[in-house]
Amino acid sequence: MTENLKNVPTVAELFANGESPEILFWVGCAGSFDDRAKKITGAFIRILNSIQIKFAVLGTEEGCTGDPARRAGNEFLFQMLAANNIALMNGYGIKKIVTTCPHCFNILKNEYPELGGNYEVMHHTSFLQSLIDEGKLTVQGGAFKGKRITFHDSCYLGRANQIYEAPRNVLAKLDGALTEMKSCKSKGLCCGAGGAQMWKEAEHGQKEINIERTEQALEVKPDIIASACPFCNTMMTDGVKIKNKEDEVKVFDVAELIAMANQLMA
């Protein structure tokens, strides 16, 4: 992967030494292979390394959770992928998982148990909030003082799992001006990538969903659009580019903003 992923042990390496990680960082397909999402992965790993928590990744043993397959209607493929992942994690004795992808978070937390995969699963924004609340992570927010930040709620983080405040509480540590879009929290609007829509051409219509959502974001005149999902990040970034606002408005994951604030980014 990228240089952002140095000093990252694999579960297999720890297991070979008779050790186990405190948390398994589930990277996900986007965080592993998409160039933009790799930066989110790197930012979160830098945060983990900065607090010296014992974590590990599955590395090449990690397979897709099967979420896109299930959403697209290929239940057989989902069952096959999930069974492989569950057998692997149960074999390693994994107890706690943290992921930067709401799609991975939702399926690992809510749909893997029916197949024998029972773990404590946290989204990285909830995990970051817990670190801040416990005093393990301090955020140096001065770099964003006066910046207007609006947060886009991921469908699988928000409406599907009712996680609205954690990302906002973390962003509040940046000393910026958090400004809400007209459609937010339980009334948030999809970015257009969910339900396996990321992998197909859009149906005929008058406007792409990500453009509608981007327009809502731009209405509040933000300096930064914050997201907590690699797919949302892609869709909002594309929307900002189509609106020719990429020089004025930046799209970052919550983890990237925290890493930037604490000067952990290269």
Protein backbone atom coordinates (compact mmCIF):
# COMPACT_ATOMS: atom_id res chain seq x y z
CA MET A 1 0.00 0.00 0.00
CA THR A 2 1.19 3.58 0.55
CA GLU A 3 3.84 4.96 2.85
CA ASN A 4 1.02 6.00 5.17
CA LEU A 5 0.70 2.37 6.21
CA LYS A 6 4.12 1.77 7.71
CA ASN A 7 4.39 0.43 11.26
CA VAL A 8 1.19 -1.54 10.91
CA PRO A 9 1.30 -5.08 12.30
CA THR A 10 -0.89 -7.82 10.90
CA VAL A 11 -2.98 -10.07 13.10
CA ALA A 12 -1.04 -13.04 11.71
CA GLU A 13 2.25 -11.54 12.93
CA LEU A 14 0.89 -10.97 16.42
CA PHE A 15 -0.75 -14.39 16.48
CA ALA A 16 2.55 -16.06 15.58
CA ASN A 17 4.06 -14.44 18.69
CA GLY A 18 1.20 -15.52 20.92
CA GLU A 19 -0.28 -12.01 21.01
CA SER A 20 -3.58 -10.47 19.95
CA PRO A 21 -4.52 -6.87 19.13
CA GLU A 22 -6.70 -4.71 21.35
CA ILE A 23 -8.56 -3.73 18.19
CA LEU A 24 -8.67 -5.04 14.65
CA PHE A 25 -8.66 -2.16 12.20
CA TRP A 26 -10.89 -3.31 9.35
CA VAL A 27 -9.56 -1.32 6.40
CA GLY A 28 -12.18 -2.24 3.80
CA CYS A 29 -11.92 -2.42 0.02
CA ALA A 30 -12.01 1.35 -0.54
CA GLY A 31 -9.45 2.04 2.17
CA SER A 32 -7.17 -0.62 0.72
CA PHE A 33 -7.37 0.03 -3.01
CA ASP A 34 -8.84 3.46 -3.77
CA ASP A 35 -6.10 6.10 -3.90
CA ARG A 36 -8.22 8.78 -2.22
CA ALA A 37 -9.50 6.45 0.49
CA LYS A 38 -5.96 5.26 1.22
CA LYS A 39 -5.29 8.74 2.60
CA ILE A 40 -8.13 8.25 5.09
CA THR A 41 -6.64 4.90 6.07
CA GLY A 42 -3.25 6.52 6.55
CA ALA A 43 -4.69 9.33 8.66
CA PHE A 44 -6.47 6.92 10.99
CA ILE A 45 -3.38 4.74 11.34
CA ARG A 46 -1.31 7.80 12.24
CA ILE A 47 -3.83 8.61 14.97
CA LEU A 48 -3.68 5.03 16.28
CA ASN A 49 0.12 5.10 16.29
CA SER A 50 0.14 8.46 18.07
CA ILE A 51 -1.80 7.06 21.03
CA GLN A 52 0.22 3.84 21.04
CA ILE A 53 -2.78 1.53 21.06
CA LYS A 54 -2.21 -2.13 20.23
CA PHE A 55 -3.94 -2.64 16.90
CA ALA A 56 -3.48 -4.76 13.81
CA VAL A 57 -4.94 -5.31 10.36
CA LEU A 58 -5.68 -8.52 8.52
CA GLY A 59 -3.64 -7.33 5.56
CA THR A 60 -3.87 -9.62 2.55
CA GLU A 61 -6.13 -11.96 4.52
CA GLU A 62 -8.90 -9.34 4.66
CA GLY A 63 -11.66 -9.96 2.14
CA CYS A 64 -14.60 -7.80 1.11
CA THR A 65 -17.35 -7.91 3.73
CA GLY A 66 -19.83 -8.78 1.00
CA ASP A 67 -21.90 -5.63 1.49
CA PRO A 68 -21.94 -4.57 -2.19
CA ALA A 69 -22.84 -8.13 -3.22
CA ARG A 70 -25.75 -8.35 -0.79
CA ARG A 71 -27.07 -4.90 -1.70
CA ALA A 72 -26.89 -5.81 -5.38
CA GLY A 73 -28.85 -9.02 -4.73
CA ASN A 74 -26.05 -11.61 -4.94
CA GLU A 75 -26.78 -13.37 -1.66
CA PHE A 76 -24.65 -16.41 -2.53
CA LEU A 77 -21.53 -14.27 -2.99
CA PHE A 78 -22.26 -12.39 0.24
CA GLN A 79 -22.60 -15.63 2.21
CA MET A 80 -19.35 -16.96 0.77
CA LEU A 81 -17.37 -13.79 1.53
CA ALA A 82 -18.84 -13.41 5.00
CA ALA A 83 -18.21 -17.05 5.92
CA ASN A 84 -14.54 -16.74 4.94
CA ASN A 85 -14.09 -13.55 6.97
CA ILE A 86 -15.87 -14.95 10.02
CA ALA A 87 -13.85 -18.19 10.00
CA LEU A 88 -10.65 -16.16 9.79
CA MET A 89 -11.52 -13.70 12.58
CA ASN A 90 -12.93 -16.37 14.87
CA GLY A 91 -9.77 -18.39 14.34
CA TYR A 92 -7.73 -15.41 15.50
CA GLY A 93 -10.04 -14.77 18.44
CA ILE A 94 -10.95 -11.25 17.30
CA LYS A 95 -13.18 -9.42 19.80
CA LYS A 96 -13.23 -5.75 18.78
CA ILE A 97 -13.28 -4.19 15.31
CA VAL A 98 -12.97 -0.53 14.28
CA THR A 99 -13.53 0.54 10.68
CA THR A 100 -13.54 3.81 8.76
CA CYS A 101 -16.28 2.57 6.40
CA PRO A 102 -19.96 2.78 7.48
CA HIS A 103 -20.85 0.05 4.99
CA CYS A 104 -18.35 -2.33 6.59
CA PHE A 105 -19.44 -1.14 10.04
CA ASN A 106 -23.12 -1.81 9.39
CA ILE A 107 -22.72 -5.27 7.94
CA LEU A 108 -20.10 -6.44 10.46
CA LYS A 109 -22.20 -5.15 13.36
CA ASN A 110 -25.72 -6.02 12.27
CA GLU A 111 -25.53 -8.82 9.71
CA TYR A 112 -22.49 -10.94 10.56
CA PRO A 113 -23.92 -12.17 13.90
CA GLU A 114 -26.55 -14.27 12.11
CA LEU A 115 -23.67 -16.16 10.48
CA GLY A 116 -21.65 -16.63 13.67
CA GLY A 117 -19.58 -13.46 13.57
CA ASN A 118 -20.13 -11.80 16.94
CA TYR A 119 -17.82 -8.86 17.60
CA GLU A 120 -17.84 -5.44 19.21
CA VAL A 121 -17.86 -3.20 16.15
CA MET A 122 -17.24 0.55 16.20
CA HIS A 123 -17.16 3.19 13.51
CA HIS A 124 -14.00 5.25 13.67
CA THR A 125 -15.85 8.45 14.60
CA SER A 126 -17.38 6.78 17.67
CA PHE A 127 -13.97 5.33 18.50
CA LEU A 128 -12.31 8.74 18.17
CA GLN A 129 -14.93 10.28 20.43
CA SER A 130 -14.31 7.58 23.05
CA LEU A 131 -10.56 8.26 22.90
CA ILE A 132 -11.18 11.98 23.39
CA ASP A 133 -13.65 11.37 26.24
CA GLU A 134 -11.16 9.06 27.99
CA GLY A 135 -8.35 11.59 27.64
CA LYS A 136 -6.29 9.31 25.40
CA LEU A 137 -6.51 11.65 22.42
CA THR A 138 -6.15 15.42 22.55
CA VAL A 139 -7.06 17.48 19.50
CA GLN A 140 -5.09 20.61 18.68
CA GLY A 141 -7.86 22.54 16.95
CA GLY A 142 -6.18 25.86 16.24
CA ALA A 143 -5.44 25.13 12.58
CA PHE A 144 -9.16 25.16 11.80
CA LYS A 145 -10.19 28.14 13.88
CA GLY A 146 -12.73 30.20 11.95
CA LYS A 147 -13.18 27.60 9.21
CA ARG A 148 -16.76 26.82 8.24
CA ILE A 149 -17.29 23.06 8.34
CA THR A 150 -20.41 21.18 7.34
CA PHE A 151 -20.83 17.47 7.99
CA HIS A 152 -22.46 15.05 5.55
CA ASP A 153 -24.25 12.16 7.27
CA SER A 154 -23.56 8.76 5.74
CA CYS A 155 -26.76 6.73 5.38
CA TYR A 156 -25.30 3.64 7.05
CA LEU A 157 -23.84 5.65 9.90
CA GLY A 158 -26.82 7.94 10.42
CA ARG A 159 -30.26 6.64 9.61
CA ALA A 160 -29.23 2.97 9.67
CA ASN A 161 -27.41 3.10 13.01
CA GLN A 162 -28.44 6.43 14.58
CA ILE A 163 -24.88 7.67 14.95
CA TYR A 164 -25.21 11.42 14.52
CA GLU A 165 -23.43 13.08 17.42
CA ALA A 166 -20.09 11.23 17.52
CA PRO A 167 -18.67 12.73 14.31
CA ARG A 168 -20.01 16.16 15.23
CA ASN A 169 -18.54 15.97 18.73
CA VAL A 170 -15.15 15.10 17.26
CA LEU A 171 -15.38 17.93 14.71
CA ALA A 172 -16.31 20.35 17.52
CA LYS A 173 -12.79 19.88 18.90
CA LEU A 174 -11.37 21.59 15.81
CA ASP A 175 -12.55 25.06 16.90
CA GLY A 176 -14.18 25.58 13.53
CA ALA A 177 -17.72 26.79 12.89
CA LEU A 178 -19.83 23.66 12.41
CA THR A 179 -22.76 24.56 10.14
CA GLU A 180 -25.57 22.15 9.31
CA MET A 181 -27.09 21.60 5.88
CA LYS A 182 -30.87 21.86 5.57
CA SER A 183 -31.05 18.06 5.20
CA CYS A 184 -29.05 16.60 8.07
CA LYS A 185 -29.07 13.90 10.72
CA SER A 186 -32.27 11.82 10.43
CA LYS A 187 -33.30 13.86 7.39
CA GLY A 188 -29.92 13.61 5.69
CA LEU A 189 -29.72 13.02 1.95
CA CYS A 190 -27.84 10.08 0.43
CA CYS A 191 -24.67 10.88 -1.51
CA GLY A 192 -25.79 8.53 -4.27
CA ALA A 193 -23.30 5.69 -3.73
CA GLY A 194 -25.20 3.47 -1.27
CA GLY A 195 -27.10 0.28 -2.00
CA ALA A 196 -24.38 -0.79 -4.50
CA GLN A 197 -25.18 2.26 -6.67
CA MET A 198 -21.43 3.04 -6.62
CA TRP A 199 -20.90 0.17 -9.03
CA LYS A 200 -23.42 0.99 -11.75
CA GLU A 201 -24.45 3.77 -14.06
CA ALA A 202 -27.23 6.01 -12.75
CA GLU A 203 -30.75 5.68 -14.12
CA HIS A 204 -32.07 8.43 -16.36
CA GLY A 205 -33.14 11.53 -14.50
CA GLN A 206 -32.79 15.28 -14.30
CA LYS A 207 -30.00 15.45 -11.72
CA GLU A 208 -27.47 13.14 -10.05
CA ILE A 209 -28.04 12.66 -6.32
CA ASN A 210 -24.50 13.68 -5.44
CA ILE A 211 -25.01 16.99 -7.26
CA GLU A 212 -28.17 17.67 -5.26
CA ARG A 213 -26.33 16.88 -2.04
CA THR A 214 -23.31 18.97 -3.02
CA GLU A 215 -25.59 21.92 -3.76
CA GLN A 216 -27.08 21.59 -0.28
CA ALA A 217 -23.57 21.65 1.17
CA LEU A 218 -22.51 24.67 -0.86
CA GLU A 219 -25.59 26.60 0.29
CA VAL A 220 -24.05 26.98 3.76
CA LYS A 221 -20.83 28.34 2.20
CA PRO A 222 -18.40 25.90 3.83
CA ASP A 223 -14.64 25.89 3.66
CA ILE A 224 -14.69 22.16 4.37
CA ILE A 225 -17.20 19.38 3.76
CA ALA A 226 -16.50 16.68 6.33
CA SER A 227 -17.51 13.09 5.75
CA ALA A 228 -17.06 9.80 7.57
CA CYS A 229 -17.34 7.37 4.67
CA PRO A 230 -14.94 6.77 1.76
CA PHE A 231 -17.83 6.45 -0.71
CA CYS A 232 -19.45 9.67 0.50
CA ASN A 233 -16.05 11.33 0.21
CA THR A 234 -15.77 10.31 -3.43
CA MET A 235 -19.29 11.42 -4.33
CA MET A 236 -19.00 14.78 -2.58
CA THR A 237 -15.56 15.40 -4.06
CA ASP A 238 -16.93 14.72 -7.54
CA GLY A 239 -19.83 17.06 -6.85
CA VAL A 240 -17.53 19.87 -5.76
CA LYS A 241 -15.44 19.40 -8.91
CA ILE A 242 -18.50 19.47 -11.16
CA LYS A 243 -19.50 22.74 -9.46
CA ASN A 244 -15.99 24.11 -10.09
CA LYS A 245 -15.51 24.77 -6.38
CA GLU A 246 -12.53 22.49 -5.68
CA ASP A 247 -10.21 25.44 -5.07
CA GLU A 248 -12.58 26.94 -2.49
CA VAL A 249 -14.16 23.92 -0.80
CA LYS A 250 -12.23 20.86 0.39
CA VAL A 251 -13.67 17.45 1.25
CA PHE A 252 -12.01 15.56 4.11
CA ASP A 253 -12.79 12.60 6.32
CA VAL A 254 -13.12 13.30 10.05
CA ALA A 255 -9.96 11.25 10.69
CA GLU A 256 -8.00 13.33 8.20
CA LEU A 257 -9.06 16.56 9.91
CA ILE A 258 -7.99 15.25 13.32
CA ALA A 259 -4.66 14.03 11.93
CA MET A 260 -4.10 17.38 10.19
CA ALA A 261 -4.96 19.29 13.37
CA ASN A 262 -2.45 17.25 15.36
CA GLN A 263 0.17 17.61 12.63
CA LEU A 264 0.32 13.87 12.01
CA MET A 265 0.00 14.08 8.25
CA ALA A 266 3.10 13.93 6.07
